[in-house]
PDB file of N, CA and C in Angstrom:
ATOM      1  N   ASN A   1      55.955  45.689  34.774  1.00  0.00           N
ATOM      2  CA  ASN A   1      55.332  46.611  33.855  1.00  0.00           C
ATOM      3  C   ASN A   1      55.087  47.980  34.456  1.00  0.00           C
ATOM      4  N   GLY A   2      55.478  48.157  35.713  1.00  0.00           N
ATOM      5  CA  GLY A   2      55.354  49.468  36.330  1.00  0.00           C
ATOM      6  C   GLY A   2      54.050  49.729  37.040  1.00  0.00           C
ATOM      7  N   TYR A   3      53.329  48.690  37.399  1.00  0.00           N
ATOM      8  CA  TYR A   3      52.052  48.855  38.085  1.00  0.00           C
ATOM      9  C   TYR A   3      52.274  48.932  39.596  1.00  0.00           C
ATOM     10  N   ASP A   4      52.648  50.130  40.054  1.00  0.00           N
ATOM     11  CA  ASP A   4      53.015  50.339  41.453  1.00  0.00           C
ATOM     12  C   ASP A   4      51.957  49.831  42.429  1.00  0.00           C
ATOM     13  N   ALA A   5      50.704  50.217  42.218  1.00  0.00           N
ATOM     14  CA  ALA A   5      49.628  49.848  43.141  1.00  0.00           C
ATOM     15  C   ALA A   5      49.437  48.336  43.199  1.00  0.00           C
ATOM     16  N   VAL A   6      49.555  47.668  42.065  1.00  0.00           N
ATOM     17  CA  VAL A   6      49.404  46.213  42.027  1.00  0.00           C
ATOM     18  C   VAL A   6      50.562  45.551  42.769  1.00  0.00           C
ATOM     19  N   VAL A   7      51.770  46.032  42.550  1.00  0.00           N
ATOM     20  CA  VAL A   7      52.940  45.491  43.251  1.00  0.00           C
ATOM     21  C   VAL A   7      52.755  45.651  44.760  1.00  0.00           C
ATOM     22  N   LYS A   8      52.289  46.806  45.181  1.00  0.00           N
ATOM     23  CA  LYS A   8      52.067  47.068  46.611  1.00  0.00           C
ATOM     24  C   LYS A   8      51.053  46.079  47.195  1.00  0.00           C
ATOM     25  N   LEU A   9      49.964  45.838  46.479  1.00  0.00           N
ATOM     26  CA  LEU A   9      48.952  44.876  46.933  1.00  0.00           C
ATOM     27  C   LEU A   9      49.534  43.471  47.048  1.00  0.00           C
ATOM     28  N   LEU A  10      50.291  43.064  46.050  1.00  0.00           N
ATOM     29  CA  LEU A  10      50.872  41.719  46.056  1.00  0.00           C
ATOM     30  C   LEU A  10      51.901  41.552  47.169  1.00  0.00           C
ATOM     31  N   LEU A  11      52.710  42.577  47.396  1.00  0.00           N
ATOM     32  CA  LEU A  11      53.722  42.501  48.458  1.00  0.00           C
ATOM     33  C   LEU A  11      53.091  42.411  49.840  1.00  0.00           C
ATOM     34  N   ALA A  12      51.861  42.883  49.973  1.00  0.00           N
ATOM     35  CA  ALA A  12      51.172  42.857  51.267  1.00  0.00           C
ATOM     36  C   ALA A  12      50.624  41.470  51.613  1.00  0.00           C
ATOM     37  N   LYS A  13      50.591  40.562  50.653  1.00  0.00           N
ATOM     38  CA  LYS A  13      50.053  39.222  50.885  1.00  0.00           C
ATOM     39  C   LYS A  13      51.092  38.321  51.542  1.00  0.00           C
ATOM     40  N   ASP A  14      50.631  37.521  52.502  1.00  0.00           N
ATOM     41  CA  ASP A  14      51.503  36.546  53.152  1.00  0.00           C
ATOM     42  C   ASP A  14      51.995  35.526  52.136  1.00  0.00           C
ATOM     43  N   GLY A  15      53.235  35.164  52.252  1.00  0.00           N
ATOM     44  CA  GLY A  15      53.796  34.125  51.406  1.00  0.00           C
ATOM     45  C   GLY A  15      54.345  34.592  50.076  1.00  0.00           C
ATOM     46  N   VAL A  16      54.181  35.859  49.750  1.00  0.00           N
ATOM     47  CA  VAL A  16      54.711  36.364  48.480  1.00  0.00           C
ATOM     48  C   VAL A  16      56.225  36.525  48.612  1.00  0.00           C
ATOM     49  N   ASP A  17      56.949  35.972  47.667  1.00  0.00           N
ATOM     50  CA  ASP A  17      58.407  36.071  47.670  1.00  0.00           C
ATOM     51  C   ASP A  17      58.828  37.190  46.716  1.00  0.00           C
ATOM     52  N   PRO A  18      59.254  38.345  47.259  1.00  0.00           N
ATOM     53  CA  PRO A  18      59.631  39.463  46.402  1.00  0.00           C
ATOM     54  C   PRO A  18      60.951  39.255  45.667  1.00  0.00           C
ATOM     55  N   ASP A  19      61.610  38.147  45.944  1.00  0.00           N
ATOM     56  CA  ASP A  19      62.913  37.878  45.335  1.00  0.00           C
ATOM     57  C   ASP A  19      62.888  36.636  44.439  1.00  0.00           C
ATOM     58  N   LEU A  20      61.706  36.160  44.102  1.00  0.00           N
ATOM     59  CA  LEU A  20      61.563  34.954  43.294  1.00  0.00           C
ATOM     60  C   LEU A  20      62.128  35.174  41.890  1.00  0.00           C
ATOM     61  N   LYS A  21      63.001  34.254  41.478  1.00  0.00           N
ATOM     62  CA  LYS A  21      63.622  34.362  40.152  1.00  0.00           C
ATOM     63  C   LYS A  21      62.772  33.652  39.108  1.00  0.00           C
ATOM     64  N   ASP A  22      62.753  34.204  37.892  1.00  0.00           N
ATOM     65  CA  ASP A  22      62.035  33.520  36.815  1.00  0.00           C
ATOM     66  C   ASP A  22      62.849  32.302  36.377  1.00  0.00           C
ATOM     67  N   SER A  23      62.168  31.335  35.780  1.00  0.00           N
ATOM     68  CA  SER A  23      62.829  30.077  35.430  1.00  0.00           C
ATOM     69  C   SER A  23      63.646  30.149  34.144  1.00  0.00           C
ATOM     70  N   GLN A  24      63.417  31.159  33.330  1.00  0.00           N
ATOM     71  CA  GLN A  24      64.140  31.243  32.059  1.00  0.00           C
ATOM     72  C   GLN A  24      65.510  31.900  32.204  1.00  0.00           C
ATOM     73  N   TYR A  25      65.558  33.051  32.858  1.00  0.00           N
ATOM     74  CA  TYR A  25      66.812  33.800  32.959  1.00  0.00           C
ATOM     75  C   TYR A  25      67.310  33.995  34.386  1.00  0.00           C
ATOM     76  N   GLY A  26      66.497  33.631  35.371  1.00  0.00           N
ATOM     77  CA  GLY A  26      66.891  33.829  36.760  1.00  0.00           C
ATOM     78  C   GLY A  26      66.794  35.278  37.197  1.00  0.00           C
ATOM     79  N   ARG A  27      65.899  36.023  36.563  1.00  0.00           N
ATOM     80  CA  ARG A  27      65.725  37.445  36.875  1.00  0.00           C
ATOM     81  C   ARG A  27      64.739  37.618  38.014  1.00  0.00           C
ATOM     82  N   THR A  28      65.000  38.598  38.856  1.00  0.00           N
ATOM     83  CA  THR A  28      64.116  38.920  39.974  1.00  0.00           C
ATOM     84  C   THR A  28      63.253  40.135  39.635  1.00  0.00           C
ATOM     85  N   PRO A  29      62.186  40.355  40.402  1.00  0.00           N
ATOM     86  CA  PRO A  29      61.391  41.564  40.203  1.00  0.00           C
ATOM     87  C   PRO A  29      62.234  42.839  40.331  1.00  0.00           C
ATOM     88  N   LEU A  30      63.221  42.833  41.237  1.00  0.00           N
ATOM     89  CA  LEU A  30      64.083  44.005  41.392  1.00  0.00           C
ATOM     90  C   LEU A  30      64.869  44.277  40.109  1.00  0.00           C
ATOM     91  N   SER A  31      65.383  43.237  39.492  1.00  0.00           N
ATOM     92  CA  SER A  31      66.113  43.407  38.228  1.00  0.00           C
ATOM     93  C   SER A  31      65.216  43.979  37.138  1.00  0.00           C
ATOM     94  N   ARG A  32      64.000  43.451  37.043  1.00  0.00           N
ATOM     95  CA  ARG A  32      63.063  43.946  36.016  1.00  0.00           C
ATOM     96  C   ARG A  32      62.699  45.404  36.255  1.00  0.00           C
ATOM     97  N   ALA A  33      62.416  45.737  37.509  1.00  0.00           N
ATOM     98  CA  ALA A  33      62.052  47.122  37.825  1.00  0.00           C
ATOM     99  C   ALA A  33      63.221  48.059  37.555  1.00  0.00           C
ATOM    100  N   ALA A  34      64.435  47.623  37.905  1.00  0.00           N
ATOM    101  CA  ALA A  34      65.628  48.441  37.666  1.00  0.00           C
ATOM    102  C   ALA A  34      65.869  48.618  36.169  1.00  0.00           C
ATOM    103  N   GLU A  35      65.705  47.561  35.412  1.00  0.00           N
ATOM    104  CA  GLU A  35      65.901  47.612  33.959  1.00  0.00           C
ATOM    105  C   GLU A  35      64.934  48.585  33.296  1.00  0.00           C
ATOM    106  N   ASN A  36      63.701  48.582  33.759  1.00  0.00           N
ATOM    107  CA  ASN A  36      62.651  49.357  33.098  1.00  0.00           C
ATOM    108  C   ASN A  36      62.424  50.741  33.689  1.00  0.00           C
ATOM    109  N   GLY A  37      63.224  51.115  34.686  1.00  0.00           N
ATOM    110  CA  GLY A  37      63.136  52.464  35.234  1.00  0.00           C
ATOM    111  C   GLY A  37      61.963  52.709  36.158  1.00  0.00           C
ATOM    112  N   HIS A  38      61.451  51.655  36.772  1.00  0.00           N
ATOM    113  CA  HIS A  38      60.302  51.782  37.667  1.00  0.00           C
ATOM    114  C   HIS A  38      60.780  52.072  39.093  1.00  0.00           C
ATOM    115  N   GLU A  39      61.103  53.335  39.322  1.00  0.00           N
ATOM    116  CA  GLU A  39      61.695  53.769  40.587  1.00  0.00           C
ATOM    117  C   GLU A  39      60.813  53.447  41.793  1.00  0.00           C
ATOM    118  N   ALA A  40      59.528  53.707  41.700  1.00  0.00           N
ATOM    119  CA  ALA A  40      58.625  53.449  42.831  1.00  0.00           C
ATOM    120  C   ALA A  40      58.607  51.967  43.194  1.00  0.00           C
ATOM    121  N   ILE A  41      58.672  51.106  42.192  1.00  0.00           N
ATOM    122  CA  ILE A  41      58.669  49.665  42.455  1.00  0.00           C
ATOM    123  C   ILE A  41      59.997  49.224  43.054  1.00  0.00           C
ATOM    124  N   VAL A  42      61.090  49.786  42.581  1.00  0.00           N
ATOM    125  CA  VAL A  42      62.395  49.490  43.185  1.00  0.00           C
ATOM    126  C   VAL A  42      62.344  49.840  44.671  1.00  0.00           C
ATOM    127  N   LYS A  43      61.798  51.006  45.000  1.00  0.00           N
ATOM    128  CA  LYS A  43      61.680  51.420  46.407  1.00  0.00           C
ATOM    129  C   LYS A  43      60.836  50.436  47.203  1.00  0.00           C
ATOM    130  N   LEU A  44      59.681  50.051  46.660  1.00  0.00           N
ATOM    131  CA  LEU A  44      58.799  49.104  47.352  1.00  0.00           C
ATOM    132  C   LEU A  44      59.515  47.785  47.621  1.00  0.00           C
ATOM    133  N   LEU A  45      60.220  47.280  46.632  1.00  0.00           N
ATOM    134  CA  LEU A  45      60.928  46.011  46.793  1.00  0.00           C
ATOM    135  C   LEU A  45      62.052  46.124  47.818  1.00  0.00           C
ATOM    136  N   LEU A  46      62.804  47.212  47.769  1.00  0.00           N
ATOM    137  CA  LEU A  46      63.888  47.405  48.736  1.00  0.00           C
ATOM    138  C   LEU A  46      63.345  47.525  50.155  1.00  0.00           C
ATOM    139  N   GLU A  47      62.193  48.175  50.301  1.00  0.00           N
ATOM    140  CA  GLU A  47      61.588  48.364  51.621  1.00  0.00           C
ATOM    141  C   GLU A  47      61.181  47.052  52.278  1.00  0.00           C
ATOM    142  N   THR A  48      60.984  45.993  51.501  1.00  0.00           N
ATOM    143  CA  THR A  48      60.616  44.704  52.096  1.00  0.00           C
ATOM    144  C   THR A  48      61.771  44.136  52.912  1.00  0.00           C
ATOM    145  N   GLY A  49      62.997  44.511  52.546  1.00  0.00           N
ATOM    146  CA  GLY A  49      64.168  43.948  53.213  1.00  0.00           C
ATOM    147  C   GLY A  49      64.398  42.489  52.854  1.00  0.00           C
ATOM    148  N   LYS A  50      63.672  41.994  51.855  1.00  0.00           N
ATOM    149  CA  LYS A  50      63.736  40.579  51.492  1.00  0.00           C
ATOM    150  C   LYS A  50      64.265  40.341  50.082  1.00  0.00           C
ATOM    151  N   VAL A  51      64.931  41.333  49.523  1.00  0.00           N
ATOM    152  CA  VAL A  51      65.471  41.163  48.171  1.00  0.00           C
ATOM    153  C   VAL A  51      66.996  41.181  48.208  1.00  0.00           C
ATOM    154  N   GLU A  52      67.578  40.357  47.375  1.00  0.00           N
ATOM    155  CA  GLU A  52      69.035  40.294  47.249  1.00  0.00           C
ATOM    156  C   GLU A  52      69.442  41.328  46.207  1.00  0.00           C
ATOM    157  N   VAL A  53      70.057  42.411  46.670  1.00  0.00           N
ATOM    158  CA  VAL A  53      70.380  43.519  45.766  1.00  0.00           C
ATOM    159  C   VAL A  53      71.466  43.169  44.755  1.00  0.00           C
ATOM    160  N   ASN A  54      72.235  42.125  45.023  1.00  0.00           N
ATOM    161  CA  ASN A  54      73.293  41.712  44.104  1.00  0.00           C
ATOM    162  C   ASN A  54      72.946  40.427  43.350  1.00  0.00           C
ATOM    163  N   ALA A  55      71.661  40.096  43.300  1.00  0.00           N
ATOM    164  CA  ALA A  55      71.239  38.868  42.617  1.00  0.00           C
ATOM    165  C   ALA A  55      71.663  38.921  41.151  1.00  0.00           C
ATOM    166  N   LYS A  56      72.313  37.840  40.721  1.00  0.00           N
ATOM    167  CA  LYS A  56      72.752  37.758  39.325  1.00  0.00           C
ATOM    168  C   LYS A  56      71.819  36.841  38.554  1.00  0.00           C
ATOM    169  N   GLU A  57      71.514  37.250  37.328  1.00  0.00           N
ATOM    170  CA  GLU A  57      70.706  36.419  36.455  1.00  0.00           C
ATOM    171  C   GLU A  57      71.612  35.523  35.623  1.00  0.00           C
ATOM    172  N   LYS A  58      71.036  34.814  34.696  1.00  0.00           N
ATOM    173  CA  LYS A  58      71.738  33.823  33.869  1.00  0.00           C
ATOM    174  C   LYS A  58      73.070  34.320  33.310  1.00  0.00           C
ATOM    175  N   TYR A  59      73.136  35.574  32.924  1.00  0.00           N
ATOM    176  CA  TYR A  59      74.346  36.116  32.319  1.00  0.00           C
ATOM    177  C   TYR A  59      75.184  36.934  33.297  1.00  0.00           C
ATOM    178  N   GLY A  60      74.798  36.902  34.578  1.00  0.00           N
ATOM    179  CA  GLY A  60      75.593  37.562  35.607  1.00  0.00           C
ATOM    180  C   GLY A  60      75.292  39.025  35.837  1.00  0.00           C
ATOM    181  N   GLN A  61      74.227  39.529  35.235  1.00  0.00           N
ATOM    182  CA  GLN A  61      73.892  40.942  35.436  1.00  0.00           C
ATOM    183  C   GLN A  61      73.081  41.121  36.715  1.00  0.00           C
ATOM    184  N   THR A  62      73.337  42.219  37.404  1.00  0.00           N
ATOM    185  CA  THR A  62      72.665  42.555  38.657  1.00  0.00           C
ATOM    186  C   THR A  62      71.651  43.676  38.421  1.00  0.00           C
ATOM    187  N   PRO A  63      70.811  43.963  39.415  1.00  0.00           N
ATOM    188  CA  PRO A  63      69.907  45.107  39.271  1.00  0.00           C
ATOM    189  C   PRO A  63      70.658  46.407  38.955  1.00  0.00           C
ATOM    190  N   LEU A  64      71.819  46.612  39.583  1.00  0.00           N
ATOM    191  CA  LEU A  64      72.614  47.809  39.301  1.00  0.00           C
ATOM    192  C   LEU A  64      73.074  47.820  37.843  1.00  0.00           C
ATOM    193  N   SER A  65      73.477  46.673  37.338  1.00  0.00           N
ATOM    194  CA  SER A  65      73.883  46.573  35.930  1.00  0.00           C
ATOM    195  C   SER A  65      72.746  46.984  35.005  1.00  0.00           C
ATOM    196  N   TRP A  66      71.551  46.479  35.291  1.00  0.00           N
ATOM    197  CA  TRP A  66      70.396  46.796  34.449  1.00  0.00           C
ATOM    198  C   TRP A  66      70.058  48.277  34.491  1.00  0.00           C
ATOM    199  N   ALA A  67      70.084  48.861  35.686  1.00  0.00           N
ATOM    200  CA  ALA A  67      69.771  50.294  35.811  1.00  0.00           C
ATOM    201  C   ALA A  67      70.816  51.134  35.081  1.00  0.00           C
ATOM    202  N   ALA A  68      72.094  50.789  35.256  1.00  0.00           N
ATOM    203  CA  ALA A  68      73.172  51.533  34.600  1.00  0.00           C
ATOM    204  C   ALA A  68      73.097  51.372  33.085  1.00  0.00           C
ATOM    205  N   ARG A  69      72.825  50.162  32.647  1.00  0.00           N
ATOM    206  CA  ARG A  69      72.738  49.853  31.214  1.00  0.00           C
ATOM    207  C   ARG A  69      71.683  50.703  30.511  1.00  0.00           C
ATOM    208  N   ASN A  70      70.610  51.017  31.232  1.00  0.00           N
ATOM    209  CA  ASN A  70      69.498  51.746  30.629  1.00  0.00           C
ATOM    210  C   ASN A  70      69.420  53.204  31.057  1.00  0.00           C
ATOM    211  N   GLY A  71      70.465  53.686  31.742  1.00  0.00           N
ATOM    212  CA  GLY A  71      70.547  55.101  32.081  1.00  0.00           C
ATOM    213  C   GLY A  71      69.569  55.581  33.133  1.00  0.00           C
ATOM    214  N   HIS A  72      69.136  54.691  34.011  1.00  0.00           N
ATOM    215  CA  HIS A  72      68.168  55.060  35.048  1.00  0.00           C
ATOM    216  C   HIS A  72      68.905  55.584  36.287  1.00  0.00           C
ATOM    217  N   GLU A  73      69.293  56.841  36.209  1.00  0.00           N
ATOM    218  CA  GLU A  73      70.120  57.474  37.235  1.00  0.00           C
ATOM    219  C   GLU A  73      69.498  57.408  38.630  1.00  0.00           C
ATOM    220  N   ALA A  74      68.214  57.680  38.746  1.00  0.00           N
ATOM    221  CA  ALA A  74      67.560  57.675  40.061  1.00  0.00           C
ATOM    222  C   ALA A  74      67.631  56.294  40.706  1.00  0.00           C
ATOM    223  N   ILE A  75      67.512  55.254  39.904  1.00  0.00           N
ATOM    224  CA  ILE A  75      67.577  53.892  40.441  1.00  0.00           C
ATOM    225  C   ILE A  75      69.007  53.529  40.807  1.00  0.00           C
ATOM    226  N   VAL A  76      69.962  53.947  40.002  1.00  0.00           N
ATOM    227  CA  VAL A  76      71.372  53.730  40.349  1.00  0.00           C
ATOM    228  C   VAL A  76      71.651  54.369  41.708  1.00  0.00           C
ATOM    229  N   LYS A  77      71.191  55.597  41.913  1.00  0.00           N
ATOM    230  CA  LYS A  77      71.390  56.281  43.198  1.00  0.00           C
ATOM    231  C   LYS A  77      70.749  55.513  44.343  1.00  0.00           C
ATOM    232  N   LEU A  78      69.510  55.067  44.154  1.00  0.00           N
ATOM    233  CA  LEU A  78      68.813  54.293  45.191  1.00  0.00           C
ATOM    234  C   LEU A  78      69.608  53.058  45.585  1.00  0.00           C
ATOM    235  N   LEU A  79      70.064  52.325  44.594  1.00  0.00           N
ATOM    236  CA  LEU A  79      70.809  51.096  44.863  1.00  0.00           C
ATOM    237  C   LEU A  79      72.141  51.384  45.551  1.00  0.00           C
ATOM    238  N   LEU A  80      72.821  52.436  45.133  1.00  0.00           N
ATOM    239  CA  LEU A  80      74.102  52.785  45.755  1.00  0.00           C
ATOM    240  C   LEU A  80      73.916  53.239  47.197  1.00  0.00           C
ATOM    241  N   GLU A  81      72.807  53.921  47.477  1.00  0.00           N
ATOM    242  CA  GLU A  81      72.553  54.441  48.819  1.00  0.00           C
ATOM    243  C   GLU A  81      72.380  53.352  49.864  1.00  0.00           C
ATOM    244  N   ILE A  82      71.944  52.167  49.465  1.00  0.00           N
ATOM    245  CA  ILE A  82      71.741  51.128  50.472  1.00  0.00           C
ATOM    246  C   ILE A  82      73.057  50.527  50.951  1.00  0.00           C
ATOM    247  N   GLY A  83      74.132  50.784  50.223  1.00  0.00           N
ATOM    248  CA  GLY A  83      75.463  50.430  50.694  1.00  0.00           C
ATOM    249  C   GLY A  83      75.880  48.984  50.562  1.00  0.00           C
ATOM    250  N   LYS A  84      75.006  48.104  50.130  1.00  0.00           N
ATOM    251  CA  LYS A  84      75.346  46.684  50.014  1.00  0.00           C
ATOM    252  C   LYS A  84      75.609  46.265  48.572  1.00  0.00           C
ATOM    253  N   VAL A  85      75.510  47.204  47.672  1.00  0.00           N
ATOM    254  CA  VAL A  85      75.597  46.883  46.253  1.00  0.00           C
ATOM    255  C   VAL A  85      77.043  46.683  45.819  1.00  0.00           C
ATOM    256  N   GLU A  86      77.248  45.615  45.071  1.00  0.00           N
ATOM    257  CA  GLU A  86      78.555  45.309  44.504  1.00  0.00           C
ATOM    258  C   GLU A  86      78.739  46.164  43.248  1.00  0.00           C
ATOM    259  N   VAL A  87      79.471  47.250  43.379  1.00  0.00           N
ATOM    260  CA  VAL A  87      79.611  48.220  42.294  1.00  0.00           C
ATOM    261  C   VAL A  87      80.363  47.638  41.098  1.00  0.00           C
ATOM    262  N   ASP A  88      81.303  46.763  41.349  1.00  0.00           N
ATOM    263  CA  ASP A  88      82.103  46.191  40.266  1.00  0.00           C
ATOM    264  C   ASP A  88      81.695  44.763  39.910  1.00  0.00           C
ATOM    265  N   ALA A  89      80.442  44.408  40.161  1.00  0.00           N
ATOM    266  CA  ALA A  89      79.966  43.064  39.814  1.00  0.00           C
ATOM    267  C   ALA A  89      80.123  42.854  38.310  1.00  0.00           C
ATOM    268  N   ARG A  90      80.719  41.728  37.957  1.00  0.00           N
ATOM    269  CA  ARG A  90      80.971  41.431  36.543  1.00  0.00           C
ATOM    270  C   ARG A  90      79.974  40.401  36.022  1.00  0.00           C
ATOM    271  N   SER A  91      79.551  40.612  34.799  1.00  0.00           N
ATOM    272  CA  SER A  91      78.693  39.627  34.131  1.00  0.00           C
ATOM    273  C   SER A  91      79.579  38.482  33.640  1.00  0.00           C
ATOM    274  N   LYS A  92      78.964  37.478  33.030  1.00  0.00           N
ATOM    275  CA  LYS A  92      79.723  36.362  32.456  1.00  0.00           C
ATOM    276  C   LYS A  92      80.724  36.835  31.406  1.00  0.00           C
ATOM    277  N   PHE A  93      80.471  37.999  30.852  1.00  0.00           N
ATOM    278  CA  PHE A  93      81.322  38.538  29.795  1.00  0.00           C
ATOM    279  C   PHE A  93      82.314  39.574  30.319  1.00  0.00           C
ATOM    280  N   GLY A  94      82.307  39.788  31.654  1.00  0.00           N
ATOM    281  CA  GLY A  94      83.225  40.744  32.261  1.00  0.00           C
ATOM    282  C   GLY A  94      82.711  42.168  32.302  1.00  0.00           C
ATOM    283  N   TRP A  95      81.460  42.367  31.913  1.00  0.00           N
ATOM    284  CA  TRP A  95      80.899  43.711  31.882  1.00  0.00           C
ATOM    285  C   TRP A  95      80.444  44.145  33.271  1.00  0.00           C
ATOM    286  N   THR A  96      80.792  45.358  33.660  1.00  0.00           N
ATOM    287  CA  THR A  96      80.412  45.930  34.956  1.00  0.00           C
ATOM    288  C   THR A  96      79.335  47.004  34.744  1.00  0.00           C
ATOM    289  N   PRO A  97      78.698  47.461  35.824  1.00  0.00           N
ATOM    290  CA  PRO A  97      77.740  48.561  35.674  1.00  0.00           C
ATOM    291  C   PRO A  97      78.370  49.793  35.016  1.00  0.00           C
ATOM    292  N   LEU A  98      79.618  50.098  35.363  1.00  0.00           N
ATOM    293  CA  LEU A  98      80.297  51.238  34.750  1.00  0.00           C
ATOM    294  C   LEU A  98      80.466  51.021  33.250  1.00  0.00           C
ATOM    295  N   TRP A  99      80.838  49.809  32.869  1.00  0.00           N
ATOM    296  CA  TRP A  99      80.993  49.487  31.452  1.00  0.00           C
ATOM    297  C   TRP A  99      79.685  49.747  30.712  1.00  0.00           C
ATOM    298  N   TRP A 100      78.567  49.295  31.290  1.00  0.00           N
ATOM    299  CA  TRP A 100      77.265  49.506  30.657  1.00  0.00           C
ATOM    300  C   TRP A 100      76.924  50.983  30.555  1.00  0.00           C
ATOM    301  N   ALA A 101      77.171  51.737  31.618  1.00  0.00           N
ATOM    302  CA  ALA A 101      76.817  53.159  31.638  1.00  0.00           C
ATOM    303  C   ALA A 101      77.648  53.970  30.648  1.00  0.00           C
ATOM    304  N   ALA A 102      78.898  53.547  30.447  1.00  0.00           N
ATOM    305  CA  ALA A 102      79.788  54.290  29.551  1.00  0.00           C
ATOM    306  C   ALA A 102      79.384  54.102  28.105  1.00  0.00           C
TER     307      ALA A 102
END
């Protein structure tokens, strides 16, 4: 939901898994933050070094796919800068981040 300060507090606690997937769609906090344009939270999650930047959810979409799909340019740049992002990751339907952005 974009609560940067709350995310920061939670990430500081021992045992918190910043890459935990939800049980319904297999989405991670990074995917949600990327989808919703929460740049500060994307940065916080990436800084942990404990998130899978190419994590795919139920339909095969990645954090980059979500950011591109919703036009969040700053987040797309952040994800590309880390250098580990699969730029041509395909969803179950064959859709790539470029396809979503176009």
